[in-house]
Amino acid sequence: MKITNVRHKGLRRLIEKDDTAGLPAQYIGKIRNIIAFLQDMSSEEEVRGISTWNAHQLTGERKGTWSLFVSRNWRITFVVKNDEVEIIDLDFEDYH
């Protein structure tokens, strides 16, 4: 899928320039794997089967936003626009 909107500056630098500044060094490998998976997936259904990243959709105000586990406090979140087959609002968030 095409990633069209990245909220986190560090993720944006990683995707556009392969620059890891602004991201925790100990998670760079995992973040790269997640980004590569998201770019390669062809439908939202593929993310449902990823149990190692605890893939799930948020509820409430953020209904429809996907969350993938990076570390104890950190998650990669995003929204899939199925009509356009693209990922928007990609973010790297501290849940606590």
C-alpha atoms as a PDB file:
ATOM      1  CA  MET A   1       0.000   0.000   0.000  1.00  0.00           C
ATOM      2  CA  LYS A   2       1.058   3.521  -0.599  1.00  0.00           C
ATOM      3  CA  ILE A   3       1.778   5.545   2.535  1.00  0.00           C
ATOM      4  CA  THR A   4       0.528   9.050   1.788  1.00  0.00           C
ATOM      5  CA  ASN A   5       0.563  10.849   5.128  1.00  0.00           C
ATOM      6  CA  VAL A   6       3.139  10.409   7.919  1.00  0.00           C
ATOM      7  CA  ARG A   7       2.589  12.353  11.134  1.00  0.00           C
ATOM      8  CA  HIS A   8       5.786  11.442  13.003  1.00  0.00           C
ATOM      9  CA  LYS A   9       8.841  13.331  11.722  1.00  0.00           C
ATOM     10  CA  GLY A  10      11.226  10.485  12.496  1.00  0.00           C
ATOM     11  CA  LEU A  11       9.110   7.967  10.570  1.00  0.00           C
ATOM     12  CA  ARG A  12       8.845  10.401   7.660  1.00  0.00           C
ATOM     13  CA  ARG A  13      12.657  10.782   7.559  1.00  0.00           C
ATOM     14  CA  LEU A  14      13.088   6.994   7.696  1.00  0.00           C
ATOM     15  CA  ILE A  15      10.670   6.413   4.811  1.00  0.00           C
ATOM     16  CA  GLU A  16      11.821   9.295   2.602  1.00  0.00           C
ATOM     17  CA  LYS A  17      15.573   9.464   3.298  1.00  0.00           C
ATOM     18  CA  ASP A  18      16.433   6.244   5.180  1.00  0.00           C
ATOM     19  CA  ASP A  19      17.490   8.517   8.071  1.00  0.00           C
ATOM     20  CA  THR A  20      16.898   7.066  11.555  1.00  0.00           C
ATOM     21  CA  ALA A  21      17.159  10.358  13.468  1.00  0.00           C
ATOM     22  CA  GLY A  22      14.241  10.902  15.817  1.00  0.00           C
ATOM     23  CA  LEU A  23      13.572   7.201  16.382  1.00  0.00           C
ATOM     24  CA  PRO A  24      14.834   5.019  19.268  1.00  0.00           C
ATOM     25  CA  ALA A  25      17.889   3.084  18.051  1.00  0.00           C
ATOM     26  CA  GLN A  26      16.849  -0.152  19.775  1.00  0.00           C
ATOM     27  CA  TYR A  27      13.617  -0.327  17.726  1.00  0.00           C
ATOM     28  CA  ILE A  28      14.888   0.668  14.262  1.00  0.00           C
ATOM     29  CA  GLY A  29      14.937  -2.930  12.974  1.00  0.00           C
ATOM     30  CA  LYS A  30      11.403  -3.628  14.107  1.00  0.00           C
ATOM     31  CA  ILE A  31      10.128  -0.295  12.768  1.00  0.00           C
ATOM     32  CA  ARG A  32      11.756  -0.993   9.374  1.00  0.00           C
ATOM     33  CA  ASN A  33      10.063  -4.421   9.277  1.00  0.00           C
ATOM     34  CA  ILE A  34       6.669  -2.914  10.065  1.00  0.00           C
ATOM     35  CA  ILE A  35       7.052  -0.173   7.447  1.00  0.00           C
ATOM     36  CA  ALA A  36       8.159  -2.715   4.814  1.00  0.00           C
ATOM     37  CA  PHE A  37       5.168  -4.926   5.638  1.00  0.00           C
ATOM     38  CA  LEU A  38       2.744  -1.991   5.394  1.00  0.00           C
ATOM     39  CA  GLN A  39       4.174  -0.907   2.037  1.00  0.00           C
ATOM     40  CA  ASP A  40       3.974  -4.465   0.662  1.00  0.00           C
ATOM     41  CA  MET A  41       0.478  -5.365   1.854  1.00  0.00           C
ATOM     42  CA  SER A  42      -2.301  -5.218  -0.695  1.00  0.00           C
ATOM     43  CA  SER A  43      -5.328  -5.175   1.605  1.00  0.00           C
ATOM     44  CA  GLU A  44      -6.291  -4.311   5.159  1.00  0.00           C
ATOM     45  CA  GLU A  45      -7.080  -7.973   5.834  1.00  0.00           C
ATOM     46  CA  GLU A  46      -3.379  -8.859   5.767  1.00  0.00           C
ATOM     47  CA  VAL A  47      -2.687  -6.863   8.937  1.00  0.00           C
ATOM     48  CA  ARG A  48      -5.268  -8.862  10.935  1.00  0.00           C
ATOM     49  CA  GLY A  49      -3.106 -11.992  10.796  1.00  0.00           C
ATOM     50  CA  ILE A  50      -0.021 -10.432  12.425  1.00  0.00           C
ATOM     51  CA  SER A  51      -0.147 -11.678  16.010  1.00  0.00           C
ATOM     52  CA  THR A  52       3.471 -10.770  16.880  1.00  0.00           C
ATOM     53  CA  TRP A  53       2.675  -7.082  16.527  1.00  0.00           C
ATOM     54  CA  ASN A  54      -0.630  -7.379  18.426  1.00  0.00           C
ATOM     55  CA  ALA A  55      -2.486  -5.834  15.477  1.00  0.00           C
ATOM     56  CA  HIS A  56      -5.841  -4.420  16.451  1.00  0.00           C
ATOM     57  CA  GLN A  57      -8.150  -1.542  15.666  1.00  0.00           C
ATOM     58  CA  LEU A  58      -8.713   1.152  18.242  1.00  0.00           C
ATOM     59  CA  THR A  59     -12.175   2.084  19.492  1.00  0.00           C
ATOM     60  CA  GLY A  60     -13.933   5.218  20.632  1.00  0.00           C
ATOM     61  CA  GLU A  61     -12.687   8.495  19.131  1.00  0.00           C
ATOM     62  CA  ARG A  62     -10.000   6.625  17.205  1.00  0.00           C
ATOM     63  CA  LYS A  63     -12.273   3.953  15.758  1.00  0.00           C
ATOM     64  CA  GLY A  64     -10.797   2.618  12.514  1.00  0.00           C
ATOM     65  CA  THR A  65      -7.188   3.366  13.476  1.00  0.00           C
ATOM     66  CA  TRP A  66      -4.890   0.344  13.486  1.00  0.00           C
ATOM     67  CA  SER A  67      -2.263  -0.154  16.194  1.00  0.00           C
ATOM     68  CA  LEU A  68       0.883  -2.316  15.934  1.00  0.00           C
ATOM     69  CA  PHE A  69       3.068  -3.107  18.958  1.00  0.00           C
ATOM     70  CA  VAL A  70       6.681  -1.882  18.820  1.00  0.00           C
ATOM     71  CA  SER A  71       7.649  -1.959  22.505  1.00  0.00           C
ATOM     72  CA  ARG A  72       6.143  -1.729  25.948  1.00  0.00           C
ATOM     73  CA  ASN A  73       4.864   1.846  25.479  1.00  0.00           C
ATOM     74  CA  TRP A  74       5.355   2.501  21.765  1.00  0.00           C
ATOM     75  CA  ARG A  75       2.971   1.723  18.903  1.00  0.00           C
ATOM     76  CA  ILE A  76       2.799   2.429  15.203  1.00  0.00           C
ATOM     77  CA  THR A  77      -0.698   3.602  14.338  1.00  0.00           C
ATOM     78  CA  PHE A  78      -2.327   4.238  10.968  1.00  0.00           C
ATOM     79  CA  VAL A  79      -5.591   4.372   9.059  1.00  0.00           C
ATOM     80  CA  VAL A  80      -6.263   2.414   5.875  1.00  0.00           C
ATOM     81  CA  LYS A  81      -8.356   4.125   3.217  1.00  0.00           C
ATOM     82  CA  ASN A  82      -9.747   1.076   1.412  1.00  0.00           C
ATOM     83  CA  ASP A  83     -11.333   3.036  -1.398  1.00  0.00           C
ATOM     84  CA  GLU A  84      -7.911   4.391  -2.382  1.00  0.00           C
ATOM     85  CA  VAL A  85      -5.787   1.473  -1.104  1.00  0.00           C
ATOM     86  CA  GLU A  86      -3.533   3.773   0.879  1.00  0.00           C
ATOM     87  CA  ILE A  87      -2.303   4.308   4.419  1.00  0.00           C
ATOM     88  CA  ILE A  88      -2.818   7.695   6.033  1.00  0.00           C
ATOM     89  CA  ASP A  89      -1.943   9.229   9.398  1.00  0.00           C
ATOM     90  CA  LEU A  90       1.011   6.888  10.022  1.00  0.00           C
ATOM     91  CA  ASP A  91       2.370   7.694  13.476  1.00  0.00           C
ATOM     92  CA  PHE A  92       4.792   6.456  16.145  1.00  0.00           C
ATOM     93  CA  GLU A  93       3.096   6.990  19.486  1.00  0.00           C
ATOM     94  CA  ASP A  94       3.840   6.591  23.177  1.00  0.00           C
ATOM     95  CA  TYR A  95       0.660   5.122  24.669  1.00  0.00           C
ATOM     96  CA  HIS A  96       1.494   6.118  28.252  1.00  0.00           C
END
